[in-house]
Protein backbone atom coordinates (compact mmCIF):
# COMPACT_ATOMS: atom_id res chain seq x y z
CA MET A 1 -0.02 0.00 0.03
CA VAL A 2 1.56 3.35 -1.11
CA THR A 3 1.18 6.24 1.43
CA ARG A 4 0.15 9.56 0.00
CA LEU A 5 2.91 12.05 -0.15
CA ASN A 6 1.23 15.24 0.97
CA ASP A 7 4.34 17.05 2.21
CA LYS A 8 6.25 18.41 -0.72
CA SER A 9 8.49 20.54 1.41
CA LYS A 10 11.62 18.59 0.31
CA LEU A 11 10.57 17.58 -3.24
CA PRO A 12 11.64 19.52 -6.33
CA SER A 13 8.13 20.17 -7.51
CA ARG A 14 7.53 22.48 -4.61
CA HIS A 15 9.26 25.14 -6.66
CA VAL A 16 6.45 25.10 -9.20
CA THR A 17 3.28 24.04 -7.28
CA GLU A 18 3.36 25.35 -3.75
CA GLY A 19 2.63 28.75 -2.28
CA PRO A 20 0.89 31.94 -3.59
CA ASP A 21 3.93 33.03 -5.64
CA ARG A 22 3.53 29.88 -7.80
CA ALA A 23 0.02 30.69 -9.01
CA PRO A 24 1.28 31.55 -12.48
CA HIS A 25 3.04 28.20 -12.65
CA ARG A 26 -0.12 26.25 -11.46
CA SER A 27 -2.21 28.13 -14.17
CA TYR A 28 -0.20 26.24 -16.84
CA LEU A 29 -0.94 22.93 -15.16
CA TYR A 30 -4.68 23.77 -14.83
CA ALA A 31 -4.56 24.61 -18.61
CA MET A 32 -3.56 20.96 -19.23
CA GLY A 33 -6.56 19.63 -17.37
CA LEU A 34 -4.89 18.80 -14.03
CA THR A 35 -7.03 19.10 -10.84
CA ARG A 36 -5.99 20.74 -7.66
CA GLU A 37 -5.24 17.41 -6.07
CA GLN A 38 -3.02 16.29 -8.99
CA ILE A 39 -1.03 19.57 -8.91
CA HIS A 40 -0.25 19.05 -5.25
CA GLN A 41 0.75 15.41 -5.68
CA PRO A 42 4.34 14.52 -6.59
CA LEU A 43 5.10 15.17 -10.28
CA VAL A 44 6.69 12.03 -11.96
CA GLY A 45 8.48 12.44 -15.31
CA VAL A 46 7.65 9.55 -17.66
CA ALA A 47 10.35 9.76 -20.25
CA SER A 48 10.41 7.72 -23.45
CA CYS A 49 12.49 7.44 -26.53
CA TRP A 50 9.47 6.89 -28.71
CA ASN A 51 9.83 7.74 -32.41
CA GLU A 52 9.04 6.26 -35.76
CA ALA A 53 12.67 5.79 -36.68
CA ALA A 54 12.78 2.05 -36.03
CA PRO A 55 10.83 -0.93 -34.55
CA CYS A 56 12.77 -0.79 -31.26
CA ASN A 57 11.05 2.53 -30.32
CA ILE A 58 7.69 2.18 -31.87
CA SER A 59 5.97 0.48 -28.89
CA LEU A 60 7.33 2.92 -26.19
CA MET A 61 4.47 5.40 -26.22
CA ARG A 62 1.90 2.60 -25.66
CA GLN A 63 3.98 1.32 -22.75
CA ALA A 64 4.37 4.82 -21.34
CA GLN A 65 0.58 4.98 -21.04
CA ALA A 66 0.63 1.89 -18.80
CA VAL A 67 3.37 3.55 -16.65
CA LYS A 68 1.17 6.66 -16.19
CA LYS A 69 -1.75 4.51 -15.04
CA GLY A 70 0.49 2.92 -12.43
CA VAL A 71 1.78 6.39 -11.23
CA ALA A 72 -1.68 7.75 -10.93
CA ALA A 73 -3.00 4.58 -9.07
CA ALA A 74 -0.29 5.25 -6.44
CA HIS A 75 -1.31 8.93 -6.08
CA GLY A 76 1.30 10.53 -8.31
CA THR A 77 0.85 12.89 -11.17
CA PRO A 78 2.59 11.54 -14.37
CA ARG A 79 4.08 14.04 -16.90
CA GLU A 80 5.01 12.39 -20.08
CA PHE A 81 7.75 13.60 -22.41
CA CYS A 82 9.91 12.23 -25.27
CA THR A 83 13.48 12.46 -26.23
CA ILE A 84 15.48 11.42 -29.30
CA THR A 85 16.91 8.15 -30.49
CA VAL A 86 19.42 7.27 -33.17
CA THR A 87 18.84 3.66 -34.22
CA ASP A 88 22.14 1.93 -35.11
CA GLY A 89 20.63 -0.54 -37.53
CA ILE A 90 19.56 2.19 -39.73
CA ALA A 91 22.56 4.61 -38.99
CA MET A 92 24.97 1.72 -39.76
CA GLY A 93 27.31 1.76 -42.66
CA HIS A 94 27.13 5.42 -43.65
CA GLY A 95 27.86 8.83 -42.01
CA GLY A 96 24.72 8.59 -39.96
CA MET A 97 26.46 6.28 -37.51
CA ARG A 98 28.52 9.29 -36.29
CA ALA A 99 25.27 10.49 -34.64
CA SER A 100 24.84 7.21 -32.62
CA LEU A 101 27.12 7.48 -29.67
CA PRO A 102 26.65 11.32 -29.34
CA SER A 103 22.92 10.60 -29.13
CA ARG A 104 23.56 8.92 -25.82
CA GLU A 105 24.77 12.30 -24.41
CA VAL A 106 21.81 14.16 -25.90
CA ILE A 107 19.31 11.67 -24.42
CA ALA A 108 20.90 12.03 -20.94
CA ASP A 109 21.15 15.80 -21.33
CA SER A 110 17.63 16.33 -22.58
CA VAL A 111 16.11 14.17 -19.83
CA GLU A 112 18.08 16.12 -17.28
CA LEU A 113 16.95 19.44 -18.67
CA THR A 114 13.28 18.45 -18.85
CA MET A 115 13.32 17.21 -15.35
CA ARG A 116 15.20 20.33 -14.03
CA GLY A 117 13.17 22.85 -15.97
CA HIS A 118 9.85 21.47 -14.75
CA ALA A 119 10.87 20.38 -11.21
CA TYR A 120 9.81 16.68 -11.45
CA ASP A 121 10.22 14.56 -8.37
CA ALA A 122 10.75 11.09 -9.79
CA LEU A 123 11.46 9.47 -13.09
CA VAL A 124 10.37 6.37 -15.03
CA GLY A 125 12.45 6.08 -18.24
CA LEU A 126 11.56 3.95 -21.22
CA ALA A 127 14.15 3.10 -23.85
CA GLY A 128 14.44 0.59 -26.58
CA CYS A 129 17.72 1.08 -28.56
CA ASP A 130 21.50 0.63 -28.20
CA LYS A 131 22.40 4.16 -26.93
CA SER A 132 18.99 5.16 -25.45
CA LEU A 133 19.33 2.47 -22.80
CA PRO A 134 22.55 3.69 -21.23
CA GLY A 135 21.61 7.34 -21.99
CA MET A 136 18.34 6.95 -19.94
CA MET A 137 20.22 5.18 -17.05
CA MET A 138 22.82 7.92 -17.11
CA ALA A 139 20.17 10.60 -16.69
CA MET A 140 18.73 8.63 -13.72
CA VAL A 141 21.91 8.52 -11.76
CA ARG A 142 22.81 12.09 -12.77
CA LEU A 143 19.54 13.46 -11.46
CA ASN A 144 19.40 11.07 -8.53
CA VAL A 145 15.59 11.28 -7.95
CA PRO A 146 13.85 8.02 -7.35
CA SER A 147 13.76 6.30 -10.75
CA ILE A 148 12.94 3.05 -12.53
CA PHE A 149 14.14 1.94 -15.91
CA ILE A 150 12.01 0.12 -18.46
CA TYR A 151 13.23 -1.63 -21.56
CA GLY A 152 10.88 -1.54 -24.45
CA GLY A 153 11.58 -5.15 -25.24
CA SER A 154 13.11 -7.27 -27.96
CA ILE A 155 11.82 -8.02 -31.42
CA LEU A 156 10.58 -11.50 -32.23
CA PRO A 157 12.84 -13.62 -34.55
CA GLY A 158 11.97 -13.72 -38.17
CA SER A 159 11.48 -16.88 -40.21
CA PHE A 160 13.18 -17.43 -43.61
CA ARG A 161 12.34 -20.71 -45.30
CA GLY A 162 11.84 -22.43 -42.02
CA LYS A 163 14.91 -21.01 -40.30
CA ALA A 164 14.81 -18.47 -37.46
CA VAL A 165 16.68 -15.27 -38.55
CA THR A 166 17.68 -11.91 -37.03
CA VAL A 167 18.80 -8.64 -38.65
CA GLN A 168 22.43 -10.03 -38.32
CA ASP A 169 21.53 -12.60 -41.06
CA LEU A 170 20.53 -9.70 -43.30
CA PHE A 171 23.80 -7.83 -42.79
CA GLU A 172 25.74 -10.96 -43.59
CA ALA A 173 23.52 -11.65 -46.57
CA VAL A 174 24.99 -8.48 -48.16
CA GLY A 175 28.39 -10.26 -48.22
CA LYS A 176 26.85 -13.42 -49.70
CA VAL A 177 25.33 -11.34 -52.51
CA ALA A 178 28.70 -9.73 -53.19
CA VAL A 179 30.27 -13.16 -53.80
CA GLY A 180 27.37 -14.71 -55.57
CA ASP A 181 26.21 -16.99 -52.82
CA MET A 182 22.78 -15.34 -52.59
CA SER A 183 20.57 -13.90 -55.34
CA LEU A 184 19.04 -10.40 -55.19
CA GLU A 185 15.65 -12.08 -55.18
CA ASP A 186 16.50 -14.14 -52.08
CA LEU A 187 17.85 -10.98 -50.42
CA ASP A 188 14.62 -9.19 -51.10
CA GLU A 189 12.63 -11.97 -49.52
CA LEU A 190 14.86 -12.15 -46.46
CA GLU A 191 14.76 -8.42 -45.84
CA GLN A 192 10.90 -8.57 -45.68
CA VAL A 193 10.76 -11.22 -43.02
CA ALA A 194 13.90 -10.65 -40.87
CA CYS A 195 12.24 -8.20 -38.43
CA PRO A 196 8.64 -9.21 -37.99
CA SER A 197 7.47 -7.11 -34.97
CA ALA A 198 8.12 -4.13 -32.80
CA GLY A 199 11.24 -4.38 -30.57
CA ALA A 200 14.96 -4.06 -30.51
CA CYS A 201 17.25 -6.52 -32.42
CA GLY A 202 16.55 -9.95 -30.85
CA ALA A 203 19.94 -11.40 -30.16
CA GLN A 204 22.44 -10.36 -27.41
CA PHE A 205 23.46 -7.20 -29.32
CA THR A 206 23.91 -3.96 -27.51
CA ALA A 207 20.26 -3.27 -26.73
CA ASN A 208 19.56 -6.67 -25.09
CA THR A 209 23.04 -6.44 -23.42
CA MET A 210 22.14 -3.19 -21.71
CA ALA A 211 18.63 -4.44 -20.94
CA THR A 212 20.25 -7.33 -19.03
CA VAL A 213 22.51 -4.74 -17.31
CA SER A 214 19.42 -2.79 -16.29
CA GLU A 215 18.18 -5.68 -14.12
CA ALA A 216 21.60 -6.68 -12.79
CA ILE A 217 22.50 -3.19 -11.82
CA GLY A 218 19.15 -2.87 -10.02
CA LEU A 219 17.41 -0.11 -11.90
CA ALA A 220 14.74 -2.32 -13.54
CA LEU A 221 12.20 -4.60 -12.16
CA PRO A 222 13.02 -8.36 -12.23
CA TYR A 223 11.91 -10.01 -15.53
CA SER A 224 10.78 -6.65 -17.00
CA ALA A 225 13.80 -6.41 -19.45
CA GLY A 226 13.27 -9.85 -20.87
CA ALA A 227 9.78 -9.83 -22.21
CA PRO A 228 9.60 -9.08 -25.98
CA ALA A 229 7.96 -5.92 -27.08
CA PRO A 230 4.80 -7.47 -28.58
CA TYR A 231 4.02 -9.42 -25.31
CA GLU A 232 1.03 -7.92 -23.43
CA ILE A 233 2.83 -8.65 -20.12
CA ARG A 234 5.00 -5.66 -20.85
CA ASP A 235 2.08 -3.36 -19.94
CA LYS A 236 1.80 -5.06 -16.56
CA PHE A 237 5.54 -4.48 -15.89
CA CYS A 238 5.04 -0.82 -16.94
CA ALA A 239 2.03 -0.28 -14.60
CA THR A 240 3.92 -1.89 -11.70
CA ALA A 241 6.97 0.29 -12.38
CA GLY A 242 4.60 3.44 -12.18
CA GLU A 243 3.37 2.22 -8.78
CA LYS A 244 6.86 1.25 -7.54
CA VAL A 245 8.49 4.54 -8.29
CA MET A 246 6.06 6.14 -5.89
CA GLU A 247 7.19 3.70 -3.22
CA LEU A 248 10.80 4.61 -3.94
CA LEU A 249 9.85 8.34 -3.62
CA ALA A 250 8.18 7.64 -0.18
CA LYS A 251 11.23 5.75 0.99
CA GLN A 252 13.66 8.09 -0.78
CA ILE A 253 15.56 5.25 -2.34
CA ARG A 254 17.59 6.89 -5.09
CA PRO A 255 19.63 5.64 -8.05
CA ARG A 256 22.97 6.27 -6.38
CA ASP A 257 21.88 4.07 -3.45
CA ILE A 258 21.43 1.44 -6.18
CA VAL A 259 24.26 2.01 -8.55
CA THR A 260 27.29 1.28 -6.41
CA ARG A 261 30.67 -0.09 -7.27
CA LYS A 262 29.38 -3.58 -6.45
CA ALA A 263 26.35 -3.00 -8.66
CA LEU A 264 28.58 -2.01 -11.60
CA GLU A 265 30.53 -5.22 -11.07
CA ASN A 266 27.31 -7.16 -11.18
CA ALA A 267 26.43 -5.47 -14.44
CA ALA A 268 29.75 -6.30 -16.00
CA THR A 269 29.36 -9.87 -14.86
CA VAL A 270 26.09 -10.41 -16.73
CA VAL A 271 27.60 -8.90 -19.83
CA ALA A 272 30.37 -11.44 -19.88
CA ALA A 273 28.20 -14.34 -18.82
CA SER A 274 25.69 -13.59 -21.58
CA GLY A 275 28.29 -13.08 -24.37
CA GLY A 276 27.04 -9.49 -24.57
CA SER A 277 28.10 -6.54 -26.57
CA THR A 278 31.49 -4.91 -26.31
CA ASN A 279 29.72 -1.59 -26.10
CA ALA A 280 28.91 -2.30 -22.47
CA ALA A 281 32.62 -1.56 -21.87
CA LEU A 282 31.88 1.93 -23.08
CA HIS A 283 28.45 2.41 -21.30
CA LEU A 284 29.25 1.00 -17.77
CA PRO A 285 32.18 3.56 -17.20
CA ALA A 286 29.82 6.28 -18.49
CA ILE A 287 27.11 5.34 -15.98
CA ALA A 288 29.71 5.11 -13.23
CA HIS A 289 31.05 8.49 -14.14
CA GLU A 290 27.59 10.06 -13.48
CA CYS A 291 27.75 8.63 -9.90
CA GLY A 292 31.25 9.89 -9.35
CA ILE A 293 32.72 6.32 -9.41
CA GLU A 294 35.76 5.50 -11.35
CA PHE A 295 35.08 2.33 -13.26
CA THR A 296 37.16 2.23 -16.43
CA LEU A 297 37.45 -0.09 -19.37
CA PHE A 298 40.26 -1.92 -17.38
CA ASP A 299 37.88 -2.52 -14.45
CA VAL A 300 35.12 -3.89 -16.83
CA ALA A 301 37.79 -6.07 -18.54
CA GLU A 302 38.96 -7.57 -15.14
CA ILE A 303 35.33 -8.56 -14.43
CA PHE A 304 35.02 -10.08 -17.97
CA ARG A 305 38.26 -12.09 -17.37
CA ARG A 306 37.02 -13.96 -14.37
CA THR A 307 33.41 -14.52 -15.41
CA PRO A 308 32.26 -17.74 -17.14
CA TYR A 309 30.27 -17.59 -20.31
CA ILE A 310 27.01 -19.33 -19.70
CA ALA A 311 24.19 -17.98 -21.94
CA ASP A 312 24.00 -19.59 -25.35
CA LEU A 313 22.82 -16.47 -27.16
CA LYS A 314 23.31 -15.10 -30.64
CA PRO A 315 25.40 -13.87 -32.23
CA GLY A 316 27.94 -16.30 -30.93
CA GLY A 317 25.28 -18.92 -29.76
CA ARG A 318 22.01 -20.44 -30.72
CA TYR A 319 19.19 -18.48 -29.00
CA VAL A 320 17.72 -14.98 -28.85
CA ALA A 321 16.29 -12.86 -25.92
CA LYS A 322 12.83 -14.17 -26.37
CA ASP A 323 14.12 -17.73 -25.72
CA MET A 324 15.94 -16.76 -22.53
CA PHE A 325 12.79 -14.94 -21.20
CA GLU A 326 10.67 -17.95 -21.78
CA VAL A 327 12.91 -20.32 -19.78
CA GLY A 328 13.30 -18.05 -16.84
CA GLY A 329 14.52 -14.61 -17.99
CA ILE A 330 17.44 -12.57 -16.85
CA PRO A 331 16.75 -13.70 -13.14
CA LEU A 332 17.63 -17.26 -14.24
CA LEU A 333 21.04 -15.95 -15.43
CA MET A 334 21.61 -13.94 -12.27
CA LYS A 335 20.43 -16.78 -10.01
CA THR A 336 23.17 -19.19 -11.08
CA LEU A 337 25.80 -16.48 -11.09
CA LEU A 338 24.83 -15.54 -7.51
CA ASP A 339 24.63 -19.07 -6.33
CA HIS A 340 28.18 -19.78 -7.54
CA GLY A 341 29.76 -16.52 -6.14
CA PHE A 342 29.98 -14.41 -9.23
CA MET A 343 27.60 -11.68 -8.19
CA HIS A 344 27.18 -9.44 -5.08
CA GLY A 345 23.92 -10.20 -3.43
CA ASP A 346 23.77 -7.31 -0.97
CA CYS A 347 23.14 -4.60 -3.67
CA MET A 348 19.87 -2.68 -3.32
CA THR A 349 17.36 -2.61 -6.23
CA VAL A 350 14.29 -0.77 -7.25
CA THR A 351 12.07 -3.47 -5.63
CA GLY A 352 13.23 -2.07 -2.25
CA ARG A 353 14.99 -5.39 -1.76
CA THR A 354 18.49 -6.65 -2.47
CA ILE A 355 19.63 -8.81 -5.37
CA ALA A 356 19.79 -11.78 -3.00
CA GLU A 357 16.31 -11.22 -1.72
CA ASN A 358 14.99 -10.87 -5.21
CA MET A 359 16.75 -14.16 -6.14
CA ASP A 360 15.29 -15.96 -3.27
CA ARG A 361 12.13 -16.29 -5.24
CA VAL A 362 13.84 -17.58 -8.38
CA THR A 363 14.16 -21.37 -9.02
CA TRP A 364 16.59 -22.95 -11.35
CA ASN A 365 15.02 -24.43 -14.51
CA PRO A 366 16.93 -27.70 -15.40
CA ASP A 367 14.71 -28.40 -18.48
CA GLN A 368 16.35 -25.80 -20.71
CA ASP A 369 19.76 -25.26 -22.38
CA VAL A 370 19.66 -21.54 -23.02
CA VAL A 371 21.49 -20.76 -19.78
CA TYR A 372 24.08 -23.15 -18.33
CA PRO A 373 24.86 -23.44 -14.71
CA ALA A 374 27.70 -21.18 -13.69
CA ASN A 375 29.75 -24.09 -12.45
CA LYS A 376 29.34 -25.87 -15.71
CA PRO A 377 29.88 -23.08 -18.25
CA ILE A 378 30.07 -23.08 -22.00
CA THR A 379 33.56 -21.65 -21.57
CA GLN A 380 35.46 -20.66 -18.40
CA THR A 381 36.27 -17.14 -19.63
CA GLY A 382 33.64 -14.51 -20.28
CA GLY A 383 32.30 -13.82 -23.65
CA VAL A 384 34.06 -10.50 -23.83
CA VAL A 385 37.73 -9.83 -23.21
CA GLY A 386 39.89 -6.71 -22.63
CA LEU A 387 43.21 -6.24 -24.30
CA LYS A 388 46.22 -4.06 -23.70
CA GLY A 389 49.62 -3.59 -25.18
CA ASN A 390 51.84 -1.21 -27.19
CA LEU A 391 49.14 -0.71 -29.84
CA ALA A 392 46.47 -0.12 -27.08
CA PRO A 393 47.97 1.50 -24.01
CA GLU A 394 44.48 2.60 -22.94
CA GLY A 395 43.04 -0.72 -23.69
CA ALA A 396 40.72 -2.32 -26.23
CA ILE A 397 37.89 -4.86 -26.16
CA VAL A 398 36.99 -7.94 -28.14
CA LYS A 399 33.93 -10.36 -28.13
CA VAL A 400 35.04 -13.96 -28.11
CA ALA A 401 31.69 -15.67 -27.29
CA GLY A 402 31.33 -18.70 -29.61
CA MET A 403 34.91 -18.28 -30.84
CA PRO A 404 37.02 -21.49 -30.50
CA THR A 405 40.19 -21.10 -28.29
CA GLU A 406 42.43 -21.83 -31.24
CA LYS A 407 41.02 -18.81 -33.10
CA GLN A 408 41.62 -16.49 -30.18
CA VAL A 409 45.23 -15.69 -31.23
CA PHE A 410 45.96 -13.96 -34.51
CA THR A 411 49.14 -12.55 -36.09
CA GLY A 412 49.24 -10.86 -39.43
CA PRO A 413 50.29 -7.86 -41.44
CA ALA A 414 48.47 -4.65 -41.04
CA ARG A 415 46.26 -3.24 -43.88
CA VAL A 416 45.48 0.37 -42.86
CA PHE A 417 42.36 2.34 -43.78
CA ASP A 418 41.55 5.86 -42.69
CA GLY A 419 37.82 5.45 -42.04
CA GLU A 420 35.32 2.73 -42.46
CA GLU A 421 34.20 3.46 -45.98
CA ALA A 422 37.78 2.71 -47.41
CA CYS A 423 37.79 -0.64 -45.66
CA PHE A 424 34.22 -1.59 -46.67
CA GLU A 425 35.07 -0.80 -50.33
CA ALA A 426 38.18 -3.12 -50.14
CA VAL A 427 35.92 -5.80 -48.58
CA GLN A 428 33.22 -5.38 -51.22
CA SER A 429 35.76 -5.53 -54.05
CA ARG A 430 37.75 -8.32 -52.27
CA THR A 431 41.04 -6.51 -52.56
CA TYR A 432 42.11 -7.62 -49.04
CA LYS A 433 44.12 -10.81 -48.38
CA GLN A 434 43.53 -13.71 -46.03
CA GLY A 435 45.62 -13.39 -42.93
CA GLU A 436 45.68 -9.57 -42.88
CA VAL A 437 44.77 -7.42 -39.87
CA LEU A 438 42.45 -4.76 -41.20
CA VAL A 439 42.97 -1.56 -39.34
CA ILE A 440 40.13 1.07 -39.38
CA ARG A 441 41.27 4.27 -37.70
CA TYR A 442 40.18 7.95 -37.22
CA GLU A 443 36.89 6.55 -36.08
CA GLY A 444 37.38 7.23 -32.36
CA PRO A 445 35.13 9.42 -30.21
CA ARG A 446 36.92 12.55 -31.29
CA GLY A 447 38.36 11.62 -34.62
CA GLY A 448 35.25 10.25 -36.23
CA PRO A 449 33.69 12.06 -34.49
CA GLY A 450 31.29 9.77 -32.78
CA MET A 451 33.05 6.38 -32.65
CA ARG A 452 31.09 4.60 -35.38
CA GLU A 453 30.22 0.91 -35.36
CA MET A 454 31.47 -1.35 -38.05
CA LEU A 455 28.78 -4.03 -38.52
CA SER A 456 28.47 -3.53 -42.25
CA THR A 457 32.20 -4.35 -42.83
CA THR A 458 32.30 -7.31 -40.40
CA ALA A 459 29.06 -8.80 -41.57
CA ALA A 460 30.17 -8.61 -45.19
CA LEU A 461 33.35 -10.49 -44.34
CA TYR A 462 31.28 -13.31 -42.76
CA GLY A 463 29.02 -13.32 -45.72
CA GLN A 464 32.09 -13.92 -47.89
CA GLY A 465 33.22 -16.69 -45.70
CA MET A 466 36.20 -14.73 -44.47
CA GLY A 467 35.03 -13.92 -40.97
CA ASP A 468 37.69 -16.02 -39.24
CA LYS A 469 40.37 -15.61 -41.90
CA VAL A 470 41.15 -11.91 -41.15
CA ALA A 471 41.15 -9.79 -38.04
CA LEU A 472 40.03 -6.20 -37.54
CA ILE A 473 40.96 -3.54 -35.16
CA THR A 474 39.51 -0.04 -34.79
CA ASP A 475 39.54 2.98 -32.54
CA GLY A 476 35.86 3.07 -33.31
CA ARG A 477 33.35 0.39 -32.20
CA PHE A 478 32.07 -2.92 -33.37
CA SER A 479 28.36 -3.69 -33.16
CA GLY A 480 26.91 -6.08 -30.65
CA ALA A 481 26.03 -8.19 -33.64
CA THR A 482 29.70 -8.47 -34.72
CA ARG A 483 31.42 -11.86 -34.53
CA GLY A 484 34.92 -12.87 -35.33
CA PHE A 485 38.21 -11.45 -34.21
CA CYS A 486 37.12 -7.78 -34.18
CA VAL A 487 38.83 -5.52 -31.64
CA GLY A 488 37.27 -2.12 -30.91
CA HIS A 489 37.78 0.88 -28.48
CA VAL A 490 41.58 0.87 -29.24
CA GLY A 491 42.97 3.77 -27.27
CA PRO A 492 44.36 6.35 -27.37
CA GLU A 493 42.61 6.92 -30.64
CA ALA A 494 44.36 7.98 -33.89
CA ALA A 495 43.09 11.50 -33.72
CA VAL A 496 45.03 12.28 -30.55
CA GLY A 497 48.23 10.50 -31.72
CA GLY A 498 47.65 7.13 -30.38
CA PRO A 499 49.77 4.18 -31.69
CA ILE A 500 46.92 3.04 -33.99
CA GLY A 501 47.51 6.27 -35.97
CA LEU A 502 51.18 5.50 -36.40
CA ILE A 503 51.21 1.99 -37.88
CA ARG A 504 51.68 1.31 -41.58
CA ASP A 505 50.78 -1.31 -44.05
CA GLY A 506 52.81 -4.47 -43.40
CA ASP A 507 53.49 -3.87 -39.71
CA MET A 508 53.03 -7.21 -37.93
CA ILE A 509 50.24 -7.13 -35.31
CA THR A 510 49.44 -9.84 -32.75
CA LEU A 511 46.04 -10.09 -31.14
CA ASP A 512 45.82 -12.52 -28.18
CA ALA A 513 42.47 -12.83 -26.39
CA ILE A 514 43.84 -15.57 -24.18
CA GLN A 515 46.58 -13.42 -22.70
CA GLY A 516 44.71 -10.18 -23.17
CA THR A 517 47.30 -8.44 -25.25
CA LEU A 518 47.27 -6.38 -28.50
CA ASN A 519 50.79 -5.48 -29.85
CA VAL A 520 52.50 -4.30 -32.96
CA ALA A 521 56.04 -5.51 -33.68
CA LEU A 522 57.65 -2.13 -33.36
CA SER A 523 60.05 -0.74 -30.71
CA ASP A 524 59.22 2.17 -28.47
CA GLU A 525 61.94 4.05 -30.37
CA GLU A 526 60.32 3.49 -33.76
CA LEU A 527 56.91 4.48 -32.43
CA ALA A 528 58.53 7.69 -31.06
CA GLU A 529 60.05 8.49 -34.27
CA ARG A 530 56.83 7.96 -36.22
CA ARG A 531 55.03 10.15 -33.68
CA LYS A 532 57.39 13.07 -34.45
CA ALA A 533 56.32 12.81 -38.17
CA TRP A 534 52.61 12.53 -37.32
CA THR A 535 50.25 15.36 -37.95
CA PRO A 536 46.56 15.65 -36.87
CA ARG A 537 43.97 14.73 -39.43
CA GLY A 538 40.85 16.83 -39.83
CA ASN A 539 37.31 15.62 -40.42
CA THR A 540 34.09 16.98 -41.86
CA ALA A 541 32.62 17.98 -38.45
CA THR A 542 33.42 21.66 -38.62
CA SER A 543 30.08 22.90 -37.29
CA GLY A 544 26.94 21.73 -35.74
CA TYR A 545 26.49 19.15 -32.88
CA LEU A 546 29.24 16.79 -33.94
CA TRP A 547 31.71 19.69 -33.81
CA LYS A 548 30.51 20.44 -30.31
CA TYR A 549 30.84 16.83 -29.30
CA ALA A 550 34.31 16.46 -30.64
CA GLN A 551 35.51 19.43 -28.63
CA GLY A 552 34.51 17.91 -25.25
CA VAL A 553 34.44 14.14 -25.56
CA GLY A 554 36.83 12.11 -23.56
CA PRO A 555 38.62 8.79 -24.31
CA ALA A 556 36.85 5.50 -24.53
CA LEU A 557 38.79 4.36 -21.51
CA TYR A 558 36.46 6.38 -19.29
CA GLY A 559 33.31 5.87 -21.34
CA ALA A 560 33.60 8.70 -23.90
CA VAL A 561 31.89 11.16 -21.64
CA THR A 562 31.44 14.91 -22.05
CA HIS A 563 31.19 16.54 -18.70
CA PRO A 564 33.08 16.24 -15.32
CA GLY A 565 30.53 13.84 -13.69
CA GLY A 566 29.59 13.07 -10.10
CA THR A 567 33.05 13.73 -8.65
CA LYS A 568 32.78 17.47 -9.43
CA GLU A 569 29.07 17.82 -8.35
CA THR A 570 28.39 19.97 -5.38
CA GLN A 571 24.64 19.40 -5.38
CA SER A 572 22.53 16.86 -7.11
CA TYR A 573 19.26 17.81 -8.79
CA ALA A 574 17.29 15.70 -6.28
CA ASP A 575 18.38 18.05 -3.45
CA VAL A 576 17.44 21.37 -5.03
């Protein structure tokens, strides 16, 4: 039973609803049909990334209505607003991908500004795509008002001639067409059936990875992040979240009470255990930064190193998010990790209970093979590995889920490309050679700008049957759908004079995911000489938002963030 919050003396909304001098402010609220009672209740922001850009966002407005009903039922006053999303699947493979990572900052910033400007007391945030999930969670911990995160849900798998397919199959089909292994007619048929419903890409790509994180980090209700977008049960989760956020407001349980160092470690654990996206190594440090916690790529990589890989999910495995939900959901994954000592059970969650208390109600399902017991893993090492060496002093990241151990060491001559388009052209025209290490540089946070993903290139290689016969490294990113020896987040990036900007065609590069190293066969002296001759390279972002982003963005090591974060904060919004 939720207690009515009649005393707003310590809530932000008092600045717009209480006292005679706020009569002009209240008049705007009356103009929107609010009653006196609703005006003097807590105001709850219901923020969604709804748009018509992609299927991952299209169901969010419907789900937001269910959240609002839950808030109202618990005697709060919901105020709905939307923010942007850049959807990677559509931005992929062209200049639009430069907008993707920067959109994470715009989402966090715009939610913050809306909440600040209108003095809302709590937040329920709905997001459905790769950068909108971390962006919304960043806003929550930045504002530090009682908050609950809701994932819009995954898409259902498509069916192509009796075989379950995802959008990954479509990206790889482009490569098959290029080598004559698929006809244009078959491609046309596949593209019409690969994405059959609303929801985010169905495998353990970035969206589902960060959805898994939302439950493990404690900001989402148990099971809520696993249900596919078309499932009607999503509306029940949404209504419950609306009610629960009012409980959190009454108890003043805030995001920074939930997102602690231990919670971040739990989040990194489920990423590795599920063979999740390498992008988590960018987003977890960014979320930590908002709290004032230093949690770098190296901290994430250390968790990855000691975590077993136990969820047989695509792109490296056999199943999709829907399958895991139907056999027990993300709590099933968390249950076995907790039982075998891989998670911290004492972390608070938005249920008002700890992880361990939530898991007390979860029973292991022995009649499934989507999630393996943590003491009998698919592999002993997590599905994502951190690398470091003279080519990546600030680290790099690679996804090895589903990759045989013998394929996890690769040595070959560099083939250097300044930008993704040049590399993709070489792949399409098949002018690269087996055994090469394809280097895509000047795609980092500042140099791109925007740290583009490279799924079009890597998928085309797989479609050509060359996915395990070459390696790729970049100071940009690889998609959560990428598979093969593809190393991203190489830092320092080329645009600031990092070693990746100094290598030349033919330099021998060794990638070792077993030892966690990334090296080029050059002495420190040779690298120093090359650095003397190096000059910065410009890009086309000479105005507009991408220019602004490039001026302020930091290195991937710390999450590619754009402001000082929680360590420099003197007052959080929640305490205004």
